[in-house]
Amino acid sequence: MPHYQPSPGYLEGRAILVTGAGDGLGRAAARAYARSGAEVILLGKTVAKLESVYDEIVASGGPEPAVYPLDLSGASARDYRDLAENIRGQIGHLEGILHNAAVLELLTPLAFHPADIWERTLRANLTAPFLLTQACLPLLTAAADAAILFTSDECAVTAKGYWGAYGASKAGVTNLALMWARELSDTAIHVHALDPGPARTGMRLRTHPGAPLSSWPEPDALMPAYVRFMGPDGAGDGHDWVRAVEWMDAAGDAQTVLKSGIR
């Protein structure tokens, strides 16, 4: 079966907001969306990282992205409404959101989990995607078709000890994605919870320091799934929760993922 290849300009004319765009999967997704023609809004808390991604996109000939610094662990509902208004005023439209940003400060038994880290993690990983989606919904509704992707995780469906606030927040955000999918099923907005699986990111290195790097694919290898489900082809998939590697396997991209892990 041939690998999935979006048509040239698959995301052309779309504005797509990517949270956590400075690192890992968010950085890879922002670059992939720009290569497919999208105007990307780079959101993250570290300006230098966002500017680096901006430079990469411009150097590669992609549409000039926008940079929007925001710390999701401390943002308020007003901050998200201001973000939506800035997008409306400066870009005029929005066709997609990738909720990729996530906080994982430590792995620890629940009995000893610091309350401040619990609250900060849930604000960034669960409350932020809810408030951001809510604030941007009028823009997404005005689009001819739009997509919202929420980043899920294996621990969202299989409880694991010591994963604390991160595990609870991922279970919550996955359920949040499925609720949005049900509530928006009669609109032109399609919603998916996308589980990338293990990938060679900074977070994965922190949580699995003893595992061999060759066992994890590079973030770029997972981008066919991220691009496909951000565009119109993802609307007809019929599944609200998608494991990226399994979908790519079915689409003939399994070898791409496997080879990327042994560079």
C-alpha atoms as a PDB file:
ATOM      1  CA  MET A   1       0.000   0.000   0.000  1.00  0.00           C
ATOM      2  CA  PRO A   2       1.452   3.446  -0.878  1.00  0.00           C
ATOM      3  CA  HIS A   3       2.408   5.872   1.839  1.00  0.00           C
ATOM      4  CA  TYR A   4      -0.080   8.613   2.633  1.00  0.00           C
ATOM      5  CA  GLN A   5       0.865  11.747   0.747  1.00  0.00           C
ATOM      6  CA  PRO A   6      -1.320  14.857   1.000  1.00  0.00           C
ATOM      7  CA  SER A   7      -1.876  16.721  -2.232  1.00  0.00           C
ATOM      8  CA  PRO A   8       0.408  19.712  -2.880  1.00  0.00           C
ATOM      9  CA  GLY A   9      -0.851  22.687  -0.920  1.00  0.00           C
ATOM     10  CA  TYR A  10      -3.078  20.405   1.181  1.00  0.00           C
ATOM     11  CA  LEU A  11      -3.302  23.024   3.964  1.00  0.00           C
ATOM     12  CA  GLU A  12      -2.902  26.103   1.769  1.00  0.00           C
ATOM     13  CA  GLY A  13      -5.053  29.039   2.834  1.00  0.00           C
ATOM     14  CA  ARG A  14      -5.498  27.689   6.353  1.00  0.00           C
ATOM     15  CA  ALA A  15      -4.381  29.291   9.574  1.00  0.00           C
ATOM     16  CA  ILE A  16      -3.397  26.721  12.186  1.00  0.00           C
ATOM     17  CA  LEU A  17      -2.579  27.372  15.833  1.00  0.00           C
ATOM     18  CA  VAL A  18       0.010  25.037  17.358  1.00  0.00           C
ATOM     19  CA  THR A  19       0.568  25.049  21.122  1.00  0.00           C
ATOM     20  CA  GLY A  20       3.931  23.903  22.426  1.00  0.00           C
ATOM     21  CA  ALA A  21       5.375  24.848  19.039  1.00  0.00           C
ATOM     22  CA  GLY A  22       8.922  25.403  20.278  1.00  0.00           C
ATOM     23  CA  ASP A  23       9.897  21.780  20.931  1.00  0.00           C
ATOM     24  CA  GLY A  24       9.452  18.169  19.912  1.00  0.00           C
ATOM     25  CA  LEU A  25       6.210  17.197  18.244  1.00  0.00           C
ATOM     26  CA  GLY A  26       4.865  20.750  18.237  1.00  0.00           C
ATOM     27  CA  ARG A  27       7.931  22.038  16.410  1.00  0.00           C
ATOM     28  CA  ALA A  28       7.755  19.179  13.901  1.00  0.00           C
ATOM     29  CA  ALA A  29       4.029  19.750  13.344  1.00  0.00           C
ATOM     30  CA  ALA A  30       4.430  23.489  12.846  1.00  0.00           C
ATOM     31  CA  ARG A  31       7.077  22.900  10.176  1.00  0.00           C
ATOM     32  CA  ALA A  32       5.014  20.158   8.520  1.00  0.00           C
ATOM     33  CA  TYR A  33       1.910  22.350   8.391  1.00  0.00           C
ATOM     34  CA  ALA A  34       3.927  25.188   6.869  1.00  0.00           C
ATOM     35  CA  ARG A  35       5.359  22.814   4.242  1.00  0.00           C
ATOM     36  CA  SER A  36       1.772  21.925   3.348  1.00  0.00           C
ATOM     37  CA  GLY A  37       0.928  25.585   2.828  1.00  0.00           C
ATOM     38  CA  ALA A  38      -0.588  26.648   6.150  1.00  0.00           C
ATOM     39  CA  GLU A  39      -0.002  29.918   7.953  1.00  0.00           C
ATOM     40  CA  VAL A  40       1.053  28.706  11.378  1.00  0.00           C
ATOM     41  CA  ILE A  41       0.550  30.506  14.681  1.00  0.00           C
ATOM     42  CA  LEU A  42       3.374  29.418  16.968  1.00  0.00           C
ATOM     43  CA  LEU A  43       2.323  29.426  20.623  1.00  0.00           C
ATOM     44  CA  GLY A  44       4.648  28.604  23.505  1.00  0.00           C
ATOM     45  CA  LYS A  45       6.193  30.091  26.617  1.00  0.00           C
ATOM     46  CA  THR A  46       9.807  30.458  25.415  1.00  0.00           C
ATOM     47  CA  VAL A  47      10.230  33.217  22.858  1.00  0.00           C
ATOM     48  CA  ALA A  48      13.684  32.107  21.698  1.00  0.00           C
ATOM     49  CA  LYS A  49      12.398  28.636  20.785  1.00  0.00           C
ATOM     50  CA  LEU A  50       9.428  30.065  18.897  1.00  0.00           C
ATOM     51  CA  GLU A  51      11.690  32.445  17.003  1.00  0.00           C
ATOM     52  CA  SER A  52      13.924  29.523  16.040  1.00  0.00           C
ATOM     53  CA  VAL A  53      10.946  27.663  14.535  1.00  0.00           C
ATOM     54  CA  TYR A  54       9.855  30.878  12.836  1.00  0.00           C
ATOM     55  CA  ASP A  55      13.289  31.194  11.220  1.00  0.00           C
ATOM     56  CA  GLU A  56      13.219  27.551  10.068  1.00  0.00           C
ATOM     57  CA  ILE A  57       9.834  27.988   8.404  1.00  0.00           C
ATOM     58  CA  VAL A  58      10.778  31.236   6.670  1.00  0.00           C
ATOM     59  CA  ALA A  59      14.118  29.803   5.513  1.00  0.00           C
ATOM     60  CA  SER A  60      12.327  26.816   3.979  1.00  0.00           C
ATOM     61  CA  GLY A  61      10.019  29.073   1.970  1.00  0.00           C
ATOM     62  CA  GLY A  62       6.846  28.460   3.994  1.00  0.00           C
ATOM     63  CA  PRO A  63       4.220  31.125   4.666  1.00  0.00           C
ATOM     64  CA  GLU A  64       5.406  33.579   7.304  1.00  0.00           C
ATOM     65  CA  PRO A  65       4.179  32.318  10.684  1.00  0.00           C
ATOM     66  CA  ALA A  66       3.000  34.345  13.656  1.00  0.00           C
ATOM     67  CA  VAL A  67       4.608  34.100  17.100  1.00  0.00           C
ATOM     68  CA  TYR A  68       2.436  34.249  20.218  1.00  0.00           C
ATOM     69  CA  PRO A  69       4.202  33.749  23.560  1.00  0.00           C
ATOM     70  CA  LEU A  70       1.930  32.471  26.345  1.00  0.00           C
ATOM     71  CA  ASP A  71       2.507  30.338  29.439  1.00  0.00           C
ATOM     72  CA  LEU A  72      -0.504  28.019  29.560  1.00  0.00           C
ATOM     73  CA  SER A  73       0.100  27.048  33.191  1.00  0.00           C
ATOM     74  CA  GLY A  74      -0.693  30.597  34.281  1.00  0.00           C
ATOM     75  CA  ALA A  75      -3.030  31.875  31.554  1.00  0.00           C
ATOM     76  CA  SER A  76      -6.581  32.995  32.313  1.00  0.00           C
ATOM     77  CA  ALA A  77      -9.804  32.790  30.332  1.00  0.00           C
ATOM     78  CA  ARG A  78      -9.244  36.452  29.411  1.00  0.00           C
ATOM     79  CA  ASP A  79      -5.842  35.581  27.928  1.00  0.00           C
ATOM     80  CA  TYR A  80      -7.438  33.027  25.610  1.00  0.00           C
ATOM     81  CA  ARG A  81     -10.157  35.443  24.557  1.00  0.00           C
ATOM     82  CA  ASP A  82      -7.454  38.020  23.803  1.00  0.00           C
ATOM     83  CA  LEU A  83      -5.603  35.424  21.720  1.00  0.00           C
ATOM     84  CA  ALA A  84      -8.726  34.688  19.694  1.00  0.00           C
ATOM     85  CA  GLU A  85      -9.324  38.387  19.135  1.00  0.00           C
ATOM     86  CA  ASN A  86      -5.735  38.886  18.005  1.00  0.00           C
ATOM     87  CA  ILE A  87      -6.102  36.050  15.496  1.00  0.00           C
ATOM     88  CA  ARG A  88      -9.352  37.577  14.237  1.00  0.00           C
ATOM     89  CA  GLY A  89      -7.829  41.038  13.941  1.00  0.00           C
ATOM     90  CA  GLN A  90      -4.437  40.125  12.458  1.00  0.00           C
ATOM     91  CA  ILE A  91      -5.177  37.002  10.393  1.00  0.00           C
ATOM     92  CA  GLY A  92      -8.946  37.067  10.053  1.00  0.00           C
ATOM     93  CA  HIS A  93      -9.583  33.341  10.135  1.00  0.00           C
ATOM     94  CA  LEU A  94      -8.638  30.087  11.846  1.00  0.00           C
ATOM     95  CA  GLU A  95      -8.999  26.557  10.434  1.00  0.00           C
ATOM     96  CA  GLY A  96      -7.166  24.424  12.941  1.00  0.00           C
ATOM     97  CA  ILE A  97      -5.760  23.982  16.439  1.00  0.00           C
ATOM     98  CA  LEU A  98      -3.189  21.428  17.536  1.00  0.00           C
ATOM     99  CA  HIS A  99      -3.250  21.126  21.324  1.00  0.00           C
ATOM    100  CA  ASN A 100       0.264  19.811  21.793  1.00  0.00           C
ATOM    101  CA  ALA A 101       1.697  21.701  24.788  1.00  0.00           C
ATOM    102  CA  ALA A 102       2.026  19.619  27.942  1.00  0.00           C
ATOM    103  CA  VAL A 103       3.677  19.858  31.349  1.00  0.00           C
ATOM    104  CA  LEU A 104       5.292  16.879  33.055  1.00  0.00           C
ATOM    105  CA  GLU A 105       7.417  18.063  35.966  1.00  0.00           C
ATOM    106  CA  LEU A 106       7.938  14.805  37.832  1.00  0.00           C
ATOM    107  CA  LEU A 107       6.895  11.175  38.286  1.00  0.00           C
ATOM    108  CA  THR A 108       5.963  10.470  41.889  1.00  0.00           C
ATOM    109  CA  PRO A 109       3.553   8.457  44.059  1.00  0.00           C
ATOM    110  CA  LEU A 110       0.209  10.176  44.493  1.00  0.00           C
ATOM    111  CA  ALA A 111       0.708  10.093  48.254  1.00  0.00           C
ATOM    112  CA  PHE A 112       3.611  12.530  47.873  1.00  0.00           C
ATOM    113  CA  HIS A 113       2.466  14.545  44.844  1.00  0.00           C
ATOM    114  CA  PRO A 114       2.990  18.288  45.485  1.00  0.00           C
ATOM    115  CA  ALA A 115      -0.311  20.156  45.294  1.00  0.00           C
ATOM    116  CA  ASP A 116       1.151  23.133  43.419  1.00  0.00           C
ATOM    117  CA  ILE A 117       2.571  20.910  40.667  1.00  0.00           C
ATOM    118  CA  TRP A 118      -0.760  19.049  40.425  1.00  0.00           C
ATOM    119  CA  GLU A 119      -2.681  22.294  39.938  1.00  0.00           C
ATOM    120  CA  ARG A 120      -0.132  23.793  37.524  1.00  0.00           C
ATOM    121  CA  THR A 121      -0.086  20.634  35.400  1.00  0.00           C
ATOM    122  CA  LEU A 122      -3.855  20.410  35.129  1.00  0.00           C
ATOM    123  CA  ARG A 123      -4.091  24.085  34.182  1.00  0.00           C
ATOM    124  CA  ALA A 124      -1.621  23.626  31.324  1.00  0.00           C
ATOM    125  CA  ASN A 125      -2.668  20.174  30.124  1.00  0.00           C
ATOM    126  CA  LEU A 126      -6.435  20.170  30.621  1.00  0.00           C
ATOM    127  CA  THR A 127      -7.870  23.589  31.468  1.00  0.00           C
ATOM    128  CA  ALA A 128      -5.884  25.379  28.756  1.00  0.00           C
ATOM    129  CA  PRO A 129      -7.126  23.172  25.866  1.00  0.00           C
ATOM    130  CA  PHE A 130     -10.697  23.618  27.098  1.00  0.00           C
ATOM    131  CA  LEU A 131     -10.513  27.407  27.406  1.00  0.00           C
ATOM    132  CA  LEU A 132      -8.526  27.846  24.192  1.00  0.00           C
ATOM    133  CA  THR A 133     -10.976  25.761  22.173  1.00  0.00           C
ATOM    134  CA  GLN A 134     -13.917  27.598  23.688  1.00  0.00           C
ATOM    135  CA  ALA A 135     -12.387  30.998  22.915  1.00  0.00           C
ATOM    136  CA  CYS A 136     -11.539  30.069  19.303  1.00  0.00           C
ATOM    137  CA  LEU A 137     -14.765  28.212  18.536  1.00  0.00           C
ATOM    138  CA  PRO A 138     -16.454  31.166  16.761  1.00  0.00           C
ATOM    139  CA  LEU A 139     -13.454  31.453  14.412  1.00  0.00           C
ATOM    140  CA  LEU A 140     -13.417  27.718  13.725  1.00  0.00           C
ATOM    141  CA  THR A 141     -17.178  27.663  13.173  1.00  0.00           C
ATOM    142  CA  ALA A 142     -16.864  30.415  10.574  1.00  0.00           C
ATOM    143  CA  ALA A 143     -14.443  28.301   8.499  1.00  0.00           C
ATOM    144  CA  ALA A 144     -15.636  26.180   5.591  1.00  0.00           C
ATOM    145  CA  ASP A 145     -14.080  23.227   7.398  1.00  0.00           C
ATOM    146  CA  ALA A 146     -11.796  23.071  10.401  1.00  0.00           C
ATOM    147  CA  ALA A 147      -9.959  20.613  12.616  1.00  0.00           C
ATOM    148  CA  ILE A 148      -9.034  20.366  16.285  1.00  0.00           C
ATOM    149  CA  LEU A 149      -6.413  17.833  17.370  1.00  0.00           C
ATOM    150  CA  PHE A 150      -5.849  17.025  21.033  1.00  0.00           C
ATOM    151  CA  THR A 151      -2.632  15.174  21.888  1.00  0.00           C
ATOM    152  CA  SER A 152      -3.454  12.016  23.830  1.00  0.00           C
ATOM    153  CA  ASP A 153      -1.155   9.472  25.471  1.00  0.00           C
ATOM    154  CA  GLU A 154      -1.140   5.775  26.310  1.00  0.00           C
ATOM    155  CA  CYS A 155      -1.568   6.636  29.998  1.00  0.00           C
ATOM    156  CA  ALA A 156      -4.889   8.287  29.127  1.00  0.00           C
ATOM    157  CA  VAL A 157      -6.498   4.869  28.640  1.00  0.00           C
ATOM    158  CA  THR A 158      -4.180   2.611  30.659  1.00  0.00           C
ATOM    159  CA  ALA A 159      -3.634   3.913  34.181  1.00  0.00           C
ATOM    160  CA  LYS A 160       0.000   3.776  35.272  1.00  0.00           C
ATOM    161  CA  GLY A 161       1.349   4.294  38.744  1.00  0.00           C
ATOM    162  CA  TYR A 162       3.496   7.377  39.435  1.00  0.00           C
ATOM    163  CA  TRP A 163       2.324   9.369  36.427  1.00  0.00           C
ATOM    164  CA  GLY A 164       0.355  11.664  38.730  1.00  0.00           C
ATOM    165  CA  ALA A 165      -1.048  14.910  37.401  1.00  0.00           C
ATOM    166  CA  TYR A 166       0.245  14.256  33.875  1.00  0.00           C
ATOM    167  CA  GLY A 167      -1.602  10.924  33.651  1.00  0.00           C
ATOM    168  CA  ALA A 168      -4.793  12.395  35.101  1.00  0.00           C
ATOM    169  CA  SER A 169      -4.630  15.391  32.772  1.00  0.00           C
ATOM    170  CA  LYS A 170      -4.101  13.222  29.687  1.00  0.00           C
ATOM    171  CA  ALA A 171      -7.084  11.056  30.614  1.00  0.00           C
ATOM    172  CA  GLY A 172      -9.085  14.243  31.054  1.00  0.00           C
ATOM    173  CA  VAL A 173      -8.003  15.901  27.824  1.00  0.00           C
ATOM    174  CA  THR A 174      -8.701  12.732  25.835  1.00  0.00           C
ATOM    175  CA  ASN A 175     -12.227  12.631  27.242  1.00  0.00           C
ATOM    176  CA  LEU A 176     -12.515  16.358  26.534  1.00  0.00           C
ATOM    177  CA  ALA A 177     -11.588  15.730  22.900  1.00  0.00           C
ATOM    178  CA  LEU A 178     -14.220  13.012  22.573  1.00  0.00           C
ATOM    179  CA  MET A 179     -16.862  15.292  24.118  1.00  0.00           C
ATOM    180  CA  TRP A 180     -16.002  18.074  21.660  1.00  0.00           C
ATOM    181  CA  ALA A 181     -16.169  15.510  18.847  1.00  0.00           C
ATOM    182  CA  ARG A 182     -19.697  14.498  19.865  1.00  0.00           C
ATOM    183  CA  GLU A 183     -20.917  18.054  20.369  1.00  0.00           C
ATOM    184  CA  LEU A 184     -19.483  19.285  17.062  1.00  0.00           C
ATOM    185  CA  SER A 185     -20.435  16.242  15.000  1.00  0.00           C
ATOM    186  CA  ASP A 186     -23.084  18.186  13.081  1.00  0.00           C
ATOM    187  CA  THR A 187     -20.708  21.011  12.170  1.00  0.00           C
ATOM    188  CA  ALA A 188     -17.860  21.414   9.686  1.00  0.00           C
ATOM    189  CA  ILE A 189     -15.334  21.001  12.521  1.00  0.00           C
ATOM    190  CA  HIS A 190     -13.792  17.559  12.983  1.00  0.00           C
ATOM    191  CA  VAL A 191     -12.114  16.681  16.267  1.00  0.00           C
ATOM    192  CA  HIS A 192      -9.618  13.932  17.035  1.00  0.00           C
ATOM    193  CA  ALA A 193      -7.617  12.750  20.012  1.00  0.00           C
ATOM    194  CA  LEU A 194      -4.273  11.778  18.481  1.00  0.00           C
ATOM    195  CA  ASP A 195      -1.895   9.505  20.392  1.00  0.00           C
ATOM    196  CA  PRO A 196       1.578   9.844  18.859  1.00  0.00           C
ATOM    197  CA  GLY A 197       3.026   6.971  20.885  1.00  0.00           C
ATOM    198  CA  PRO A 198       6.659   7.076  22.034  1.00  0.00           C
ATOM    199  CA  ALA A 199       8.758   9.609  20.142  1.00  0.00           C
ATOM    200  CA  ARG A 200      12.253  11.004  20.477  1.00  0.00           C
ATOM    201  CA  THR A 201      11.363  14.148  22.426  1.00  0.00           C
ATOM    202  CA  GLY A 202      12.825  15.877  25.442  1.00  0.00           C
ATOM    203  CA  MET A 203       9.922  14.761  27.608  1.00  0.00           C
ATOM    204  CA  ARG A 204      10.420  11.130  26.622  1.00  0.00           C
ATOM    205  CA  LEU A 205      14.124  11.361  27.440  1.00  0.00           C
ATOM    206  CA  ARG A 206      13.295  12.649  30.921  1.00  0.00           C
ATOM    207  CA  THR A 207      10.729   9.965  31.705  1.00  0.00           C
ATOM    208  CA  HIS A 208      12.617   7.023  30.161  1.00  0.00           C
ATOM    209  CA  PRO A 209      16.315   7.841  30.643  1.00  0.00           C
ATOM    210  CA  GLY A 210      17.495   4.240  30.318  1.00  0.00           C
ATOM    211  CA  ALA A 211      15.708   3.313  27.097  1.00  0.00           C
ATOM    212  CA  PRO A 212      17.723   3.219  23.849  1.00  0.00           C
ATOM    213  CA  LEU A 213      17.161   6.197  21.541  1.00  0.00           C
ATOM    214  CA  SER A 214      16.898   3.853  18.565  1.00  0.00           C
ATOM    215  CA  SER A 215      13.620   2.471  19.930  1.00  0.00           C
ATOM    216  CA  TRP A 216      11.793   5.776  19.364  1.00  0.00           C
ATOM    217  CA  PRO A 217      10.967   7.457  16.060  1.00  0.00           C
ATOM    218  CA  GLU A 218      11.903  11.053  15.360  1.00  0.00           C
ATOM    219  CA  PRO A 219       8.923  13.451  15.628  1.00  0.00           C
ATOM    220  CA  ASP A 220       9.135  14.201  11.895  1.00  0.00           C
ATOM    221  CA  ALA A 221       8.363  10.556  11.103  1.00  0.00           C
ATOM    222  CA  LEU A 222       4.923  10.897  12.703  1.00  0.00           C
ATOM    223  CA  MET A 223       3.913  13.988  10.753  1.00  0.00           C
ATOM    224  CA  PRO A 224       1.901  12.252   7.993  1.00  0.00           C
ATOM    225  CA  ALA A 225      -0.771  11.569  10.626  1.00  0.00           C
ATOM    226  CA  TYR A 226      -0.606  15.103  12.024  1.00  0.00           C
ATOM    227  CA  VAL A 227      -0.960  16.647   8.578  1.00  0.00           C
ATOM    228  CA  ARG A 228      -3.703  14.333   7.376  1.00  0.00           C
ATOM    229  CA  PHE A 229      -5.966  14.831  10.386  1.00  0.00           C
ATOM    230  CA  MET A 230      -5.464  18.599  10.385  1.00  0.00           C
ATOM    231  CA  GLY A 231      -6.883  18.850   6.887  1.00  0.00           C
ATOM    232  CA  PRO A 232     -10.140  17.916   5.154  1.00  0.00           C
ATOM    233  CA  ASP A 233      -9.126  14.276   4.590  1.00  0.00           C
ATOM    234  CA  GLY A 234      -9.320  13.694   8.341  1.00  0.00           C
ATOM    235  CA  ALA A 235     -13.024  14.502   8.493  1.00  0.00           C
ATOM    236  CA  GLY A 236     -14.070  11.200   6.958  1.00  0.00           C
ATOM    237  CA  ASP A 237     -11.910   8.944   9.091  1.00  0.00           C
ATOM    238  CA  GLY A 238     -14.757   7.794  11.344  1.00  0.00           C
ATOM    239  CA  HIS A 239     -12.585   7.478  14.447  1.00  0.00           C
ATOM    240  CA  ASP A 240     -12.377  10.141  17.135  1.00  0.00           C
ATOM    241  CA  TRP A 241      -9.333   8.637  18.855  1.00  0.00           C
ATOM    242  CA  VAL A 242      -6.360   7.734  16.658  1.00  0.00           C
ATOM    243  CA  ARG A 243      -3.058   6.018  17.424  1.00  0.00           C
ATOM    244  CA  ALA A 244      -0.668   7.666  14.978  1.00  0.00           C
ATOM    245  CA  VAL A 245       1.577   4.664  14.370  1.00  0.00           C
ATOM    246  CA  GLU A 246      -1.354   2.259  13.898  1.00  0.00           C
ATOM    247  CA  TRP A 247      -2.964   4.655  11.429  1.00  0.00           C
ATOM    248  CA  MET A 248       0.317   5.064   9.561  1.00  0.00           C
ATOM    249  CA  ASP A 249       0.727   1.288   9.521  1.00  0.00           C
ATOM    250  CA  ALA A 250      -2.668   0.970   7.861  1.00  0.00           C
ATOM    251  CA  ALA A 251      -1.718   3.763   5.443  1.00  0.00           C
ATOM    252  CA  GLY A 252       1.541   2.047   4.532  1.00  0.00           C
ATOM    253  CA  ASP A 253       3.836   4.332   6.527  1.00  0.00           C
ATOM    254  CA  ALA A 254       4.969   1.820   9.167  1.00  0.00           C
ATOM    255  CA  GLN A 255       8.395   1.430   7.567  1.00  0.00           C
ATOM    256  CA  THR A 256       8.873   5.203   7.610  1.00  0.00           C
ATOM    257  CA  VAL A 257       8.323   5.235  11.355  1.00  0.00           C
ATOM    258  CA  LEU A 258      10.504   2.209  12.025  1.00  0.00           C
ATOM    259  CA  LYS A 259      13.399   3.441   9.912  1.00  0.00           C
ATOM    260  CA  SER A 260      13.323   6.833  11.607  1.00  0.00           C
ATOM    261  CA  GLY A 261      14.159   5.148  14.898  1.00  0.00           C
ATOM    262  CA  ILE A 262      17.463   3.689  13.716  1.00  0.00           C
ATOM    263  CA  ARG A 263      19.185   6.670  12.152  1.00  0.00           C
END
